[in-house]
C-alpha atoms as a PDB file:
ATOM      1  CA  MET A   1     -20.284  53.837  49.939  1.00  0.00           C
ATOM      2  CA  PRO A   2     -22.024  52.731  53.511  1.00  0.00           C
ATOM      3  CA  THR A   3     -24.719  54.096  54.741  1.00  0.00           C
ATOM      4  CA  SER A   4     -24.299  55.333  58.639  1.00  0.00           C
ATOM      5  CA  PRO A   5     -27.046  54.454  60.783  1.00  0.00           C
ATOM      6  CA  GLN A   6     -29.302  57.185  62.095  1.00  0.00           C
ATOM      7  CA  LEU A   7     -29.210  57.651  65.916  1.00  0.00           C
ATOM      8  CA  SER A   8     -31.280  59.580  68.102  1.00  0.00           C
ATOM      9  CA  ALA A   9     -29.720  62.472  69.998  1.00  0.00           C
ATOM     10  CA  ALA A  10     -30.195  59.972  73.381  1.00  0.00           C
ATOM     11  CA  ALA A  11     -28.297  57.278  71.663  1.00  0.00           C
ATOM     12  CA  GLU A  12     -25.627  59.696  70.433  1.00  0.00           C
ATOM     13  CA  GLY A  13     -25.232  61.502  73.724  1.00  0.00           C
ATOM     14  CA  PHE A  14     -25.187  58.198  75.276  1.00  0.00           C
ATOM     15  CA  LEU A  15     -22.636  57.056  73.135  1.00  0.00           C
ATOM     16  CA  ALA A  16     -20.387  59.934  74.220  1.00  0.00           C
ATOM     17  CA  GLU A  17     -20.354  59.419  77.733  1.00  0.00           C
ATOM     18  CA  ASN A  18     -17.100  58.050  79.370  1.00  0.00           C
ATOM     19  CA  GLN A  19     -17.871  54.392  79.761  1.00  0.00           C
ATOM     20  CA  LEU A  20     -16.658  51.002  78.796  1.00  0.00           C
ATOM     21  CA  CYS A  21     -18.139  48.902  76.648  1.00  0.00           C
ATOM     22  CA  THR A  22     -17.686  44.997  75.594  1.00  0.00           C
ATOM     23  CA  PHE A  23     -16.102  44.302  72.133  1.00  0.00           C
ATOM     24  CA  THR A  24     -16.853  40.753  70.573  1.00  0.00           C
ATOM     25  CA  THR A  25     -14.745  39.414  67.662  1.00  0.00           C
ATOM     26  CA  LEU A  26     -14.796  35.935  66.763  1.00  0.00           C
ATOM     27  CA  ARG A  27     -11.658  33.407  67.261  1.00  0.00           C
ATOM     28  CA  PRO A  28     -10.354  31.278  64.054  1.00  0.00           C
ATOM     29  CA  ASP A  29     -12.505  28.676  65.577  1.00  0.00           C
ATOM     30  CA  GLY A  30     -15.475  30.604  65.574  1.00  0.00           C
ATOM     31  CA  SER A  31     -15.777  30.849  69.391  1.00  0.00           C
ATOM     32  CA  PRO A  32     -16.632  34.496  70.655  1.00  0.00           C
ATOM     33  CA  HIS A  33     -13.783  36.482  72.417  1.00  0.00           C
ATOM     34  CA  VAL A  34     -15.353  39.292  74.301  1.00  0.00           C
ATOM     35  CA  THR A  35     -13.267  42.044  76.112  1.00  0.00           C
ATOM     36  CA  PRO A  36     -13.915  45.080  78.039  1.00  0.00           C
ATOM     37  CA  VAL A  37     -12.717  48.474  75.873  1.00  0.00           C
ATOM     38  CA  ARG A  38     -12.512  52.069  75.396  1.00  0.00           C
ATOM     39  CA  PHE A  39     -14.039  52.913  72.198  1.00  0.00           C
ATOM     40  CA  THR A  40     -15.159  56.058  70.102  1.00  0.00           C
ATOM     41  CA  TRP A  41     -18.399  56.730  67.639  1.00  0.00           C
ATOM     42  CA  ASP A  42     -18.075  58.717  64.696  1.00  0.00           C
ATOM     43  CA  GLY A  43     -21.935  59.170  63.558  1.00  0.00           C
ATOM     44  CA  GLU A  44     -21.218  60.954  60.700  1.00  0.00           C
ATOM     45  CA  ALA A  45     -18.665  58.069  58.994  1.00  0.00           C
ATOM     46  CA  GLY A  46     -21.075  55.241  61.106  1.00  0.00           C
ATOM     47  CA  LEU A  47     -17.607  54.396  62.433  1.00  0.00           C
ATOM     48  CA  ALA A  48     -16.685  52.969  65.999  1.00  0.00           C
ATOM     49  CA  ARG A  49     -12.924  52.993  66.592  1.00  0.00           C
ATOM     50  CA  VAL A  50     -11.135  50.655  69.345  1.00  0.00           C
ATOM     51  CA  MET A  51      -7.153  51.257  69.934  1.00  0.00           C
ATOM     52  CA  THR A  52      -5.097  48.206  70.905  1.00  0.00           C
ATOM     53  CA  ALA A  53      -1.819  46.490  70.090  1.00  0.00           C
ATOM     54  CA  VAL A  54      -1.534  44.666  66.805  1.00  0.00           C
ATOM     55  CA  THR A  55      -0.306  41.757  69.060  1.00  0.00           C
ATOM     56  CA  ARG A  56      -3.628  41.649  70.969  1.00  0.00           C
ATOM     57  CA  ARG A  57      -6.047  38.942  70.643  1.00  0.00           C
ATOM     58  CA  LYS A  58      -8.920  40.961  69.405  1.00  0.00           C
ATOM     59  CA  ALA A  59      -6.705  42.609  66.645  1.00  0.00           C
ATOM     60  CA  ARG A  60      -5.470  39.083  65.690  1.00  0.00           C
ATOM     61  CA  ASN A  61      -9.051  37.980  65.183  1.00  0.00           C
ATOM     62  CA  VAL A  62      -9.990  40.647  63.077  1.00  0.00           C
ATOM     63  CA  LEU A  63      -6.779  40.306  60.685  1.00  0.00           C
ATOM     64  CA  ALA A  64      -7.496  36.408  60.504  1.00  0.00           C
ATOM     65  CA  THR A  65     -11.185  36.957  59.089  1.00  0.00           C
ATOM     66  CA  PRO A  66     -11.173  39.598  56.721  1.00  0.00           C
ATOM     67  CA  GLY A  67     -14.512  41.129  56.253  1.00  0.00           C
ATOM     68  CA  GLY A  68     -15.566  39.490  59.478  1.00  0.00           C
ATOM     69  CA  ARG A  69     -17.933  41.152  61.839  1.00  0.00           C
ATOM     70  CA  ALA A  70     -17.421  42.490  65.133  1.00  0.00           C
ATOM     71  CA  SER A  71     -19.752  43.959  68.034  1.00  0.00           C
ATOM     72  CA  LEU A  72     -19.338  46.542  70.717  1.00  0.00           C
ATOM     73  CA  CYS A  73     -22.143  46.787  73.551  1.00  0.00           C
ATOM     74  CA  GLN A  74     -22.012  49.728  76.294  1.00  0.00           C
ATOM     75  CA  THR A  75     -24.256  49.410  79.108  1.00  0.00           C
ATOM     76  CA  VAL A  76     -25.175  51.767  82.331  1.00  0.00           C
ATOM     77  CA  GLY A  77     -27.879  50.377  84.591  1.00  0.00           C
ATOM     78  CA  GLY A  78     -30.916  49.801  82.311  1.00  0.00           C
ATOM     79  CA  ARG A  79     -29.564  51.481  79.156  1.00  0.00           C
ATOM     80  CA  TRP A  80     -27.862  49.621  76.509  1.00  0.00           C
ATOM     81  CA  LEU A  81     -26.708  50.200  73.059  1.00  0.00           C
ATOM     82  CA  THR A  82     -25.026  47.548  70.632  1.00  0.00           C
ATOM     83  CA  LEU A  83     -23.355  48.354  67.758  1.00  0.00           C
ATOM     84  CA  GLU A  84     -22.175  45.668  64.923  1.00  0.00           C
ATOM     85  CA  GLY A  85     -20.308  45.850  61.435  1.00  0.00           C
ATOM     86  CA  THR A  86     -17.669  44.785  59.786  1.00  0.00           C
ATOM     87  CA  ALA A  87     -14.038  45.237  61.489  1.00  0.00           C
ATOM     88  CA  THR A  88     -10.806  46.076  59.999  1.00  0.00           C
ATOM     89  CA  VAL A  89      -7.197  46.692  61.525  1.00  0.00           C
ATOM     90  CA  HIS A  90      -5.664  49.742  60.274  1.00  0.00           C
ATOM     91  CA  GLU A  91      -1.657  50.439  60.792  1.00  0.00           C
ATOM     92  CA  ASP A  92      -1.952  53.671  58.909  1.00  0.00           C
ATOM     93  CA  PRO A  93      -0.410  56.733  61.042  1.00  0.00           C
ATOM     94  CA  LEU A  94      -3.107  59.175  60.182  1.00  0.00           C
ATOM     95  CA  ARG A  95      -6.273  56.567  60.860  1.00  0.00           C
ATOM     96  CA  VAL A  96      -3.977  55.475  64.395  1.00  0.00           C
ATOM     97  CA  GLN A  97      -3.779  59.212  64.922  1.00  0.00           C
ATOM     98  CA  GLU A  98      -7.244  60.079  64.393  1.00  0.00           C
ATOM     99  CA  GLY A  99      -8.342  57.064  66.684  1.00  0.00           C
ATOM    100  CA  VAL A 100      -6.067  58.598  69.023  1.00  0.00           C
ATOM    101  CA  ARG A 101      -7.639  62.205  68.852  1.00  0.00           C
ATOM    102  CA  ARG A 102     -10.966  60.833  69.248  1.00  0.00           C
ATOM    103  CA  TYR A 103     -10.238  58.627  72.032  1.00  0.00           C
ATOM    104  CA  ALA A 104      -8.779  61.571  74.039  1.00  0.00           C
ATOM    105  CA  LYS A 105     -11.631  63.693  73.353  1.00  0.00           C
ATOM    106  CA  ARG A 106     -14.125  61.377  74.746  1.00  0.00           C
ATOM    107  CA  TYR A 107     -12.099  59.955  77.625  1.00  0.00           C
ATOM    108  CA  TRP A 108     -10.083  63.093  78.573  1.00  0.00           C
ATOM    109  CA  SER A 109      -6.748  61.221  78.075  1.00  0.00           C
ATOM    110  CA  SER A 110      -4.552  59.520  75.730  1.00  0.00           C
ATOM    111  CA  PRO A 111      -5.107  55.777  75.112  1.00  0.00           C
ATOM    112  CA  PRO A 112      -2.147  53.775  76.078  1.00  0.00           C
ATOM    113  CA  GLU A 113       0.472  53.548  73.431  1.00  0.00           C
ATOM    114  CA  PRO A 114       2.001  50.215  73.297  1.00  0.00           C
ATOM    115  CA  PRO A 115       4.322  48.914  70.295  1.00  0.00           C
ATOM    116  CA  GLY A 116       2.255  48.067  67.402  1.00  0.00           C
ATOM    117  CA  LEU A 117      -0.341  50.601  68.099  1.00  0.00           C
ATOM    118  CA  VAL A 118      -3.275  50.068  65.588  1.00  0.00           C
ATOM    119  CA  VAL A 119      -7.194  51.137  65.244  1.00  0.00           C
ATOM    120  CA  ILE A 120      -9.737  48.624  64.620  1.00  0.00           C
ATOM    121  CA  GLU A 121     -12.600  50.413  62.880  1.00  0.00           C
ATOM    122  CA  ILE A 122     -16.136  49.041  62.811  1.00  0.00           C
ATOM    123  CA  GLN A 123     -18.433  50.070  59.971  1.00  0.00           C
ATOM    124  CA  VAL A 124     -21.464  50.106  61.606  1.00  0.00           C
ATOM    125  CA  ASP A 125     -24.798  48.834  59.690  1.00  0.00           C
ATOM    126  CA  LYS A 126     -26.706  47.608  62.650  1.00  0.00           C
ATOM    127  CA  VAL A 127     -27.772  48.905  66.079  1.00  0.00           C
ATOM    128  CA  MET A 128     -29.875  47.433  68.658  1.00  0.00           C
ATOM    129  CA  GLY A 129     -30.594  48.984  72.147  1.00  0.00           C
ATOM    130  CA  LEU A 130     -32.918  50.567  74.819  1.00  0.00           C
ATOM    131  CA  ILE A 131     -31.917  54.022  75.727  1.00  0.00           C
END
């Protein structure tokens, strides 16, 4: 079972703010794909979640590289935090529903729900930042 990274109270608070971050995945040719997203952090499970459609480039990149790495970086002024880990796309309705619930709690509104809504889960094993 993966070990969840231990974050300070300041880092946990920062990840609860209503902010965007950049999400980086790797295209099949190895080049980075960086896009702004909203995400949620589950400190107990060490999971970051990104809601998207299965047809979007970020989901396709993760699907093309099972066990591949991804990163999220939230930055506000001089504060920043990067979460890195193994990314997996999930279509399971219960996992998607949990992603939607957490998104609505953090951002005070439901995420867009396009056809093919999935949740990308990043099992975080590396954290860097300046809080």
